[in-house]
Amino acid sequence: MTTPLERIESHPHEAKRLIGIEYEHFLALVELAEKRHLEKLALIEKNKTRIVAKGGGRKPEMSSKQGVCLCLIYLRQKPIFEILGLLFDVSKTKANDTFNYWVEILREILPASQMEEVSESEEKYEKLRQSLLEYEFRPGLIAQALNTLLGLSFLSLTGVGQETRFRI
């Protein structure tokens, strides 16, 4: 069985379907993530008290490209970690640890959501909250717009617990 990364590399046009981004963007993201990963390793190495000689110890099971791919597949498809481990030929614990490591790196290198950006300023937070509340989902308006657009004689979308009726 081929891993998702091998599938993406052999069929780059399927990257958007599998991981949610184009293959070229995936490669750029891997490059940025790897750079941040190496910075983290250098910082750890600087503060580390060595018992084993440099270069010794267990080699990593996954490349940074595989780690980022695993993280993106989890975020896009939401499989359980047991399935994710099977896809990448690692244990479910290793899949979980890998996801948590790389998602932290991705959060550091990618821009924050609008809510995170304004969380420091109460005024900006309220302004964004008010603008988001303007786009509240209202089923009646949607039904009215559909009736107008489609020229339907009757279309009713009602609230929770009530019957949803369509007559076309």
N, C-alpha and C. Protein backbone atom coordinates (compact mmCIF):
# COMPACT_ATOMS: atom_id res chain seq x y z
N MET A 1 0.84 -1.18 0.00
CA MET A 1 0.00 0.00 0.00
C MET A 1 0.88 1.24 0.00
N THR A 2 0.54 2.20 -0.85
CA THR A 2 1.32 3.43 -0.90
C THR A 2 0.83 4.39 0.18
N THR A 3 1.74 5.18 0.69
CA THR A 3 1.37 6.17 1.69
C THR A 3 0.73 7.37 0.99
N PRO A 4 0.00 8.17 1.73
CA PRO A 4 -0.61 9.36 1.12
C PRO A 4 0.42 10.29 0.49
N LEU A 5 1.59 10.41 1.11
CA LEU A 5 2.64 11.27 0.55
C LEU A 5 3.12 10.74 -0.80
N GLU A 6 3.30 9.43 -0.90
CA GLU A 6 3.71 8.84 -2.17
C GLU A 6 2.64 9.08 -3.23
N ARG A 7 1.38 8.98 -2.83
CA ARG A 7 0.27 9.22 -3.77
C ARG A 7 0.28 10.67 -4.25
N ILE A 8 0.50 11.58 -3.33
CA ILE A 8 0.53 13.00 -3.69
C ILE A 8 1.71 13.30 -4.61
N GLU A 9 2.85 12.70 -4.31
CA GLU A 9 4.04 12.95 -5.14
C GLU A 9 3.90 12.35 -6.54
N SER A 10 3.23 11.20 -6.64
CA SER A 10 3.06 10.60 -7.96
C SER A 10 1.88 11.19 -8.73
N HIS A 11 0.92 11.78 -8.02
CA HIS A 11 -0.24 12.42 -8.65
C HIS A 11 -0.47 13.78 -8.01
N PRO A 12 0.36 14.78 -8.33
CA PRO A 12 0.25 16.10 -7.68
C PRO A 12 -1.11 16.78 -7.83
N HIS A 13 -1.83 16.45 -8.89
CA HIS A 13 -3.15 17.07 -9.09
C HIS A 13 -4.17 16.62 -8.04
N GLU A 14 -3.88 15.56 -7.29
CA GLU A 14 -4.79 15.07 -6.25
C GLU A 14 -4.48 15.66 -4.87
N ALA A 15 -3.47 16.51 -4.79
CA ALA A 15 -3.08 17.07 -3.50
C ALA A 15 -4.20 17.87 -2.86
N LYS A 16 -4.89 18.68 -3.65
CA LYS A 16 -5.97 19.52 -3.10
C LYS A 16 -7.06 18.66 -2.48
N ARG A 17 -7.39 17.55 -3.13
CA ARG A 17 -8.43 16.66 -2.61
C ARG A 17 -7.98 15.96 -1.32
N LEU A 18 -6.73 15.56 -1.25
CA LEU A 18 -6.25 14.79 -0.11
C LEU A 18 -5.86 15.65 1.10
N ILE A 19 -5.16 16.75 0.83
CA ILE A 19 -4.64 17.55 1.95
C ILE A 19 -5.20 18.97 2.01
N GLY A 20 -5.99 19.35 1.01
CA GLY A 20 -6.65 20.64 1.07
C GLY A 20 -5.89 21.80 0.46
N ILE A 21 -4.66 21.57 -0.02
CA ILE A 21 -3.89 22.64 -0.67
C ILE A 21 -3.23 22.09 -1.93
N GLU A 22 -2.87 22.98 -2.83
CA GLU A 22 -2.19 22.58 -4.07
C GLU A 22 -0.80 22.03 -3.73
N TYR A 23 -0.28 21.20 -4.62
CA TYR A 23 1.02 20.55 -4.40
C TYR A 23 2.14 21.57 -4.24
N GLU A 24 2.13 22.63 -5.06
CA GLU A 24 3.18 23.66 -4.97
C GLU A 24 3.14 24.35 -3.62
N HIS A 25 1.93 24.62 -3.11
CA HIS A 25 1.79 25.24 -1.80
C HIS A 25 2.24 24.28 -0.70
N PHE A 26 1.98 22.99 -0.90
CA PHE A 26 2.42 21.99 0.06
C PHE A 26 3.95 21.98 0.16
N LEU A 27 4.62 22.02 -0.98
CA LEU A 27 6.09 22.03 -0.98
C LEU A 27 6.63 23.28 -0.28
N ALA A 28 6.01 24.43 -0.54
CA ALA A 28 6.44 25.67 0.11
C ALA A 28 6.21 25.58 1.62
N LEU A 29 5.08 25.02 2.02
CA LEU A 29 4.77 24.86 3.44
C LEU A 29 5.76 23.92 4.12
N VAL A 30 6.12 22.84 3.44
CA VAL A 30 7.11 21.90 3.98
C VAL A 30 8.45 22.60 4.17
N GLU A 31 8.82 23.42 3.21
CA GLU A 31 10.10 24.14 3.31
C GLU A 31 10.11 25.07 4.52
N LEU A 32 9.03 25.82 4.72
CA LEU A 32 8.93 26.71 5.88
C LEU A 32 8.91 25.92 7.19
N ALA A 33 8.16 24.83 7.20
CA ALA A 33 8.06 24.02 8.42
C ALA A 33 9.40 23.38 8.75
N GLU A 34 10.10 22.93 7.73
CA GLU A 34 11.41 22.31 7.98
C GLU A 34 12.40 23.33 8.53
N LYS A 35 12.35 24.54 8.01
CA LYS A 35 13.23 25.59 8.52
C LYS A 35 12.94 25.85 10.00
N ARG A 36 11.67 25.94 10.36
CA ARG A 36 11.29 26.17 11.76
C ARG A 36 11.66 24.97 12.62
N HIS A 37 11.50 23.77 12.08
CA HIS A 37 11.87 22.54 12.78
C HIS A 37 13.37 22.54 13.11
N LEU A 38 14.19 22.93 12.14
CA LEU A 38 15.64 22.97 12.37
C LEU A 38 16.01 24.04 13.39
N GLU A 39 15.29 25.16 13.39
CA GLU A 39 15.52 26.20 14.41
C GLU A 39 15.21 25.66 15.80
N LYS A 40 14.10 24.92 15.92
CA LYS A 40 13.74 24.33 17.22
C LYS A 40 14.78 23.32 17.67
N LEU A 41 15.26 22.49 16.72
CA LEU A 41 16.29 21.50 17.08
C LEU A 41 17.58 22.18 17.52
N ALA A 42 17.96 23.28 16.85
CA ALA A 42 19.17 24.00 17.23
C ALA A 42 19.04 24.60 18.63
N LEU A 43 17.85 25.10 18.93
CA LEU A 43 17.62 25.67 20.27
C LEU A 43 17.69 24.58 21.34
N ILE A 44 17.11 23.43 21.06
CA ILE A 44 17.17 22.31 22.00
C ILE A 44 18.61 21.84 22.18
N GLU A 45 19.34 21.75 21.07
CA GLU A 45 20.74 21.29 21.10
C GLU A 45 21.61 22.24 21.92
N LYS A 46 21.32 23.54 21.80
CA LYS A 46 22.12 24.53 22.52
C LYS A 46 21.98 24.38 24.03
N ASN A 47 20.80 24.03 24.49
CA ASN A 47 20.53 23.92 25.93
C ASN A 47 20.68 22.50 26.46
N LYS A 48 21.08 21.59 25.63
CA LYS A 48 21.10 20.17 25.99
C LYS A 48 22.42 19.78 26.67
N THR A 49 22.31 18.94 27.69
CA THR A 49 23.48 18.32 28.30
C THR A 49 23.62 16.95 27.66
N ARG A 50 24.72 16.74 26.96
CA ARG A 50 24.90 15.51 26.17
C ARG A 50 25.42 14.36 27.02
N ILE A 51 24.77 13.21 26.84
CA ILE A 51 25.24 11.95 27.41
C ILE A 51 25.75 11.09 26.27
N VAL A 52 25.00 11.09 25.18
CA VAL A 52 25.35 10.33 23.98
C VAL A 52 26.03 11.28 23.01
N ALA A 53 27.03 10.79 22.30
CA ALA A 53 27.77 11.62 21.35
C ALA A 53 26.83 12.18 20.27
N LYS A 54 27.17 13.37 19.76
CA LYS A 54 26.37 14.01 18.74
C LYS A 54 26.26 13.09 17.52
N GLY A 55 25.04 12.99 16.99
CA GLY A 55 24.80 12.10 15.85
C GLY A 55 24.39 10.70 16.26
N GLY A 56 24.48 10.40 17.55
CA GLY A 56 24.06 9.08 18.03
C GLY A 56 22.58 9.07 18.36
N GLY A 57 22.10 7.93 18.77
CA GLY A 57 20.70 7.81 19.13
C GLY A 57 19.85 7.33 17.97
N ARG A 58 18.58 7.22 18.21
CA ARG A 58 17.64 6.72 17.22
C ARG A 58 17.37 7.78 16.15
N LYS A 59 17.32 7.35 14.92
CA LYS A 59 17.00 8.24 13.80
C LYS A 59 15.49 8.44 13.75
N PRO A 60 15.06 9.60 13.26
CA PRO A 60 13.61 9.85 13.19
C PRO A 60 12.91 8.88 12.24
N GLU A 61 11.69 8.47 12.62
CA GLU A 61 10.93 7.53 11.79
C GLU A 61 10.33 8.20 10.57
N MET A 62 10.05 9.49 10.68
CA MET A 62 9.38 10.21 9.61
C MET A 62 10.17 11.44 9.22
N SER A 63 10.14 11.75 7.93
CA SER A 63 10.76 12.99 7.46
C SER A 63 9.82 14.15 7.78
N SER A 64 10.34 15.36 7.67
CA SER A 64 9.49 16.51 7.92
C SER A 64 8.37 16.59 6.87
N LYS A 65 8.64 16.17 5.66
CA LYS A 65 7.62 16.16 4.61
C LYS A 65 6.48 15.20 4.98
N GLN A 66 6.84 14.05 5.51
CA GLN A 66 5.82 13.09 5.94
C GLN A 66 5.04 13.63 7.15
N GLY A 67 5.73 14.29 8.07
CA GLY A 67 5.07 14.84 9.25
C GLY A 67 4.06 15.92 8.89
N VAL A 68 4.44 16.82 7.98
CA VAL A 68 3.52 17.87 7.56
C VAL A 68 2.35 17.26 6.80
N CYS A 69 2.62 16.27 5.97
CA CYS A 69 1.57 15.58 5.22
C CYS A 69 0.59 14.90 6.19
N LEU A 70 1.11 14.22 7.19
CA LEU A 70 0.27 13.56 8.19
C LEU A 70 -0.62 14.59 8.88
N CYS A 71 -0.04 15.71 9.25
CA CYS A 71 -0.79 16.76 9.93
C CYS A 71 -1.90 17.31 9.04
N LEU A 72 -1.60 17.57 7.78
CA LEU A 72 -2.59 18.12 6.86
C LEU A 72 -3.70 17.11 6.56
N ILE A 73 -3.34 15.84 6.45
CA ILE A 73 -4.35 14.82 6.20
C ILE A 73 -5.29 14.72 7.41
N TYR A 74 -4.73 14.79 8.61
CA TYR A 74 -5.59 14.76 9.79
C TYR A 74 -6.54 15.96 9.80
N LEU A 75 -6.01 17.14 9.53
CA LEU A 75 -6.84 18.35 9.56
C LEU A 75 -7.90 18.34 8.46
N ARG A 76 -7.60 17.73 7.32
CA ARG A 76 -8.54 17.70 6.20
C ARG A 76 -9.56 16.58 6.34
N GLN A 77 -9.10 15.36 6.68
CA GLN A 77 -9.95 14.17 6.64
C GLN A 77 -10.49 13.75 8.00
N LYS A 78 -9.81 14.14 9.09
CA LYS A 78 -10.19 13.78 10.46
C LYS A 78 -10.29 12.27 10.72
N PRO A 79 -9.31 11.47 10.26
CA PRO A 79 -9.36 10.05 10.63
C PRO A 79 -8.91 9.88 12.08
N ILE A 80 -9.24 8.75 12.68
CA ILE A 80 -8.73 8.48 14.02
C ILE A 80 -7.24 8.20 13.88
N PHE A 81 -6.50 8.36 14.97
CA PHE A 81 -5.04 8.23 14.89
C PHE A 81 -4.61 6.80 14.56
N GLU A 82 -5.43 5.84 14.89
CA GLU A 82 -5.11 4.46 14.53
C GLU A 82 -5.07 4.30 13.01
N ILE A 83 -6.04 4.87 12.32
CA ILE A 83 -6.08 4.83 10.85
C ILE A 83 -4.94 5.65 10.27
N LEU A 84 -4.68 6.81 10.86
CA LEU A 84 -3.59 7.66 10.41
C LEU A 84 -2.25 6.94 10.54
N GLY A 85 -2.09 6.21 11.64
CA GLY A 85 -0.87 5.41 11.82
C GLY A 85 -0.74 4.33 10.77
N LEU A 86 -1.86 3.68 10.43
CA LEU A 86 -1.82 2.66 9.38
C LEU A 86 -1.44 3.26 8.03
N LEU A 87 -1.97 4.45 7.74
CA LEU A 87 -1.66 5.10 6.47
C LEU A 87 -0.18 5.44 6.33
N PHE A 88 0.44 5.81 7.45
CA PHE A 88 1.85 6.22 7.41
C PHE A 88 2.79 5.17 7.98
N ASP A 89 2.27 3.99 8.28
CA ASP A 89 3.07 2.87 8.76
C ASP A 89 3.80 3.20 10.07
N VAL A 90 3.06 3.82 11.01
CA VAL A 90 3.59 4.09 12.35
C VAL A 90 2.49 3.71 13.35
N SER A 91 2.83 3.70 14.62
CA SER A 91 1.83 3.39 15.65
C SER A 91 0.87 4.56 15.81
N LYS A 92 -0.26 4.31 16.45
CA LYS A 92 -1.22 5.40 16.67
C LYS A 92 -0.64 6.45 17.60
N THR A 93 0.20 6.03 18.55
CA THR A 93 0.84 6.98 19.45
C THR A 93 1.81 7.87 18.70
N LYS A 94 2.59 7.25 17.81
CA LYS A 94 3.54 8.03 17.01
C LYS A 94 2.79 8.99 16.08
N ALA A 95 1.66 8.54 15.52
CA ALA A 95 0.84 9.41 14.66
C ALA A 95 0.33 10.60 15.47
N ASN A 96 -0.13 10.36 16.69
CA ASN A 96 -0.62 11.43 17.56
C ASN A 96 0.51 12.39 17.92
N ASP A 97 1.65 11.86 18.33
CA ASP A 97 2.79 12.70 18.69
C ASP A 97 3.27 13.53 17.50
N THR A 98 3.32 12.90 16.33
CA THR A 98 3.76 13.59 15.12
C THR A 98 2.79 14.72 14.78
N PHE A 99 1.50 14.43 14.84
CA PHE A 99 0.51 15.47 14.56
C PHE A 99 0.68 16.65 15.51
N ASN A 100 0.76 16.37 16.80
CA ASN A 100 0.86 17.46 17.79
C ASN A 100 2.13 18.28 17.61
N TYR A 101 3.24 17.64 17.23
CA TYR A 101 4.49 18.36 17.00
C TYR A 101 4.37 19.29 15.79
N TRP A 102 3.89 18.74 14.67
CA TRP A 102 3.86 19.52 13.43
C TRP A 102 2.73 20.55 13.43
N VAL A 103 1.64 20.30 14.12
CA VAL A 103 0.57 21.31 14.16
C VAL A 103 1.05 22.53 14.94
N GLU A 104 1.87 22.32 15.94
CA GLU A 104 2.45 23.43 16.69
C GLU A 104 3.37 24.27 15.79
N ILE A 105 4.17 23.61 14.98
CA ILE A 105 5.05 24.31 14.05
C ILE A 105 4.22 25.06 13.01
N LEU A 106 3.18 24.43 12.49
CA LEU A 106 2.33 25.10 11.49
C LEU A 106 1.64 26.32 12.09
N ARG A 107 1.24 26.24 13.35
CA ARG A 107 0.62 27.40 14.01
C ARG A 107 1.62 28.55 14.16
N GLU A 108 2.89 28.22 14.31
CA GLU A 108 3.91 29.26 14.44
C GLU A 108 4.22 29.94 13.11
N ILE A 109 4.19 29.19 12.01
CA ILE A 109 4.59 29.77 10.73
C ILE A 109 3.44 30.31 9.90
N LEU A 110 2.21 29.87 10.18
CA LEU A 110 1.05 30.34 9.42
C LEU A 110 0.37 31.48 10.16
N PRO A 111 -0.30 32.38 9.43
CA PRO A 111 -0.97 33.48 10.10
C PRO A 111 -2.12 32.99 10.97
N ALA A 112 -2.37 33.72 12.02
CA ALA A 112 -3.43 33.36 12.96
C ALA A 112 -4.80 33.69 12.37
N SER A 113 -5.83 33.13 12.96
CA SER A 113 -7.19 33.47 12.55
C SER A 113 -7.48 34.91 12.97
N GLN A 114 -8.53 35.47 12.41
CA GLN A 114 -8.90 36.84 12.78
C GLN A 114 -9.22 36.95 14.26
N MET A 115 -9.85 35.93 14.82
CA MET A 115 -10.20 35.98 16.25
C MET A 115 -8.94 35.99 17.11
N GLU A 116 -7.92 35.23 16.73
CA GLU A 116 -6.68 35.22 17.50
C GLU A 116 -5.94 36.53 17.38
N GLU A 117 -6.00 37.14 16.19
CA GLU A 117 -5.30 38.40 15.97
C GLU A 117 -5.87 39.53 16.82
N VAL A 118 -7.17 39.53 17.04
CA VAL A 118 -7.79 40.63 17.79
C VAL A 118 -8.04 40.29 19.25
N SER A 119 -7.64 39.12 19.70
CA SER A 119 -7.91 38.71 21.08
C SER A 119 -7.23 39.61 22.11
N GLU A 120 -6.15 40.29 21.73
CA GLU A 120 -5.43 41.16 22.66
C GLU A 120 -6.19 42.47 22.90
N SER A 121 -6.88 42.96 21.89
CA SER A 121 -7.57 44.25 22.00
C SER A 121 -9.08 44.02 22.12
N GLU A 122 -9.65 44.45 23.22
CA GLU A 122 -11.08 44.28 23.47
C GLU A 122 -11.91 45.03 22.43
N GLU A 123 -11.46 46.22 22.06
CA GLU A 123 -12.20 47.03 21.08
C GLU A 123 -12.22 46.36 19.71
N LYS A 124 -11.09 45.88 19.25
CA LYS A 124 -11.02 45.20 17.95
C LYS A 124 -11.81 43.89 17.97
N TYR A 125 -11.77 43.20 19.11
CA TYR A 125 -12.52 41.96 19.25
C TYR A 125 -14.02 42.20 19.11
N GLU A 126 -14.52 43.22 19.79
CA GLU A 126 -15.95 43.54 19.71
C GLU A 126 -16.35 43.96 18.31
N LYS A 127 -15.49 44.72 17.65
CA LYS A 127 -15.79 45.16 16.27
C LYS A 127 -15.89 43.96 15.34
N LEU A 128 -14.96 43.01 15.45
CA LEU A 128 -15.00 41.81 14.62
C LEU A 128 -16.21 40.96 14.97
N ARG A 129 -16.50 40.84 16.25
CA ARG A 129 -17.66 40.05 16.70
C ARG A 129 -18.96 40.61 16.13
N GLN A 130 -19.10 41.92 16.15
CA GLN A 130 -20.30 42.55 15.61
C GLN A 130 -20.41 42.32 14.10
N SER A 131 -19.29 42.41 13.39
CA SER A 131 -19.34 42.19 11.94
C SER A 131 -19.68 40.74 11.61
N LEU A 132 -19.23 39.80 12.44
CA LEU A 132 -19.57 38.40 12.22
C LEU A 132 -21.03 38.12 12.56
N LEU A 133 -21.57 38.81 13.55
CA LEU A 133 -22.98 38.61 13.92
C LEU A 133 -23.93 39.10 12.84
N GLU A 134 -23.48 40.01 12.01
CA GLU A 134 -24.32 40.50 10.91
C GLU A 134 -24.62 39.40 9.91
N TYR A 135 -23.76 38.40 9.85
CA TYR A 135 -23.92 37.31 8.90
C TYR A 135 -24.56 36.10 9.54
N GLU A 136 -25.45 36.33 10.48
CA GLU A 136 -26.13 35.25 11.19
C GLU A 136 -27.00 34.44 10.22
N PHE A 137 -27.02 33.16 10.39
CA PHE A 137 -27.82 32.26 9.55
C PHE A 137 -29.29 32.43 9.90
N ARG A 138 -30.08 32.79 8.91
CA ARG A 138 -31.52 32.94 9.11
C ARG A 138 -32.23 32.13 8.03
N PRO A 139 -32.80 30.98 8.38
CA PRO A 139 -33.43 30.11 7.40
C PRO A 139 -34.53 30.78 6.60
N GLY A 140 -35.31 31.67 7.20
CA GLY A 140 -36.39 32.33 6.49
C GLY A 140 -35.89 33.15 5.32
N LEU A 141 -34.77 33.85 5.51
CA LEU A 141 -34.21 34.64 4.43
C LEU A 141 -33.70 33.77 3.29
N ILE A 142 -33.12 32.64 3.65
CA ILE A 142 -32.63 31.72 2.63
C ILE A 142 -33.79 31.17 1.81
N ALA A 143 -34.86 30.78 2.48
CA ALA A 143 -36.03 30.26 1.78
C ALA A 143 -36.62 31.32 0.86
N GLN A 144 -36.68 32.55 1.34
CA GLN A 144 -37.23 33.64 0.53
C GLN A 144 -36.34 33.88 -0.70
N ALA A 145 -35.03 33.87 -0.52
CA ALA A 145 -34.13 34.07 -1.65
C ALA A 145 -34.25 32.93 -2.66
N LEU A 146 -34.35 31.70 -2.17
CA LEU A 146 -34.50 30.56 -3.08
C LEU A 146 -35.82 30.63 -3.84
N ASN A 147 -36.89 31.03 -3.16
CA ASN A 147 -38.18 31.17 -3.84
C ASN A 147 -38.09 32.19 -4.96
N THR A 148 -37.42 33.30 -4.67
CA THR A 148 -37.29 34.36 -5.67
C THR A 148 -36.41 33.91 -6.84
N LEU A 149 -35.26 33.32 -6.53
CA LEU A 149 -34.33 32.90 -7.58
C LEU A 149 -34.87 31.77 -8.45
N LEU A 150 -35.50 30.81 -7.82
CA LEU A 150 -35.94 29.62 -8.55
C LEU A 150 -37.38 29.74 -9.04
N GLY A 151 -38.08 30.80 -8.66
CA GLY A 151 -39.46 30.97 -9.07
C GLY A 151 -40.37 29.89 -8.51
N LEU A 152 -40.08 29.45 -7.30
CA LEU A 152 -40.88 28.40 -6.69
C LEU A 152 -42.13 28.98 -6.07
N SER A 153 -43.17 28.18 -6.05
CA SER A 153 -44.41 28.64 -5.46
C SER A 153 -44.38 28.55 -3.94
N PHE A 154 -43.62 27.57 -3.38
CA PHE A 154 -43.61 27.43 -1.94
C PHE A 154 -42.34 26.70 -1.52
N LEU A 155 -41.62 27.27 -0.63
CA LEU A 155 -40.45 26.63 -0.04
C LEU A 155 -40.34 27.15 1.38
N SER A 156 -40.34 26.26 2.34
CA SER A 156 -40.31 26.68 3.74
C SER A 156 -39.22 25.95 4.48
N LEU A 157 -38.36 26.70 5.12
CA LEU A 157 -37.34 26.14 6.01
C LEU A 157 -37.68 26.65 7.40
N THR A 158 -37.95 25.76 8.32
CA THR A 158 -38.36 26.18 9.67
C THR A 158 -37.29 25.85 10.68
N GLY A 159 -37.50 26.27 11.92
CA GLY A 159 -36.51 26.12 12.97
C GLY A 159 -36.32 24.70 13.44
N VAL A 160 -35.46 24.55 14.43
CA VAL A 160 -35.11 23.25 15.00
C VAL A 160 -36.34 22.63 15.64
N GLY A 161 -36.54 21.35 15.39
CA GLY A 161 -37.64 20.63 16.00
C GLY A 161 -38.93 20.77 15.22
N GLN A 162 -38.96 21.64 14.24
CA GLN A 162 -40.15 21.81 13.42
C GLN A 162 -39.93 21.15 12.07
N GLU A 163 -40.99 20.90 11.40
CA GLU A 163 -40.92 20.20 10.12
C GLU A 163 -40.36 21.12 9.04
N THR A 164 -39.50 20.58 8.22
CA THR A 164 -39.00 21.31 7.07
C THR A 164 -39.81 20.85 5.87
N ARG A 165 -40.49 21.78 5.19
CA ARG A 165 -41.38 21.42 4.09
C ARG A 165 -40.90 22.03 2.79
N PHE A 166 -40.99 21.26 1.75
CA PHE A 166 -40.66 21.73 0.42
C PHE A 166 -41.82 21.37 -0.51
N ARG A 167 -42.29 22.29 -1.27
CA ARG A 167 -43.25 21.99 -2.31
C ARG A 167 -42.79 22.72 -3.56
N ILE A 168 -42.54 21.96 -4.58
CA ILE A 168 -42.00 22.56 -5.81
C ILE A 168 -42.99 22.38 -6.93
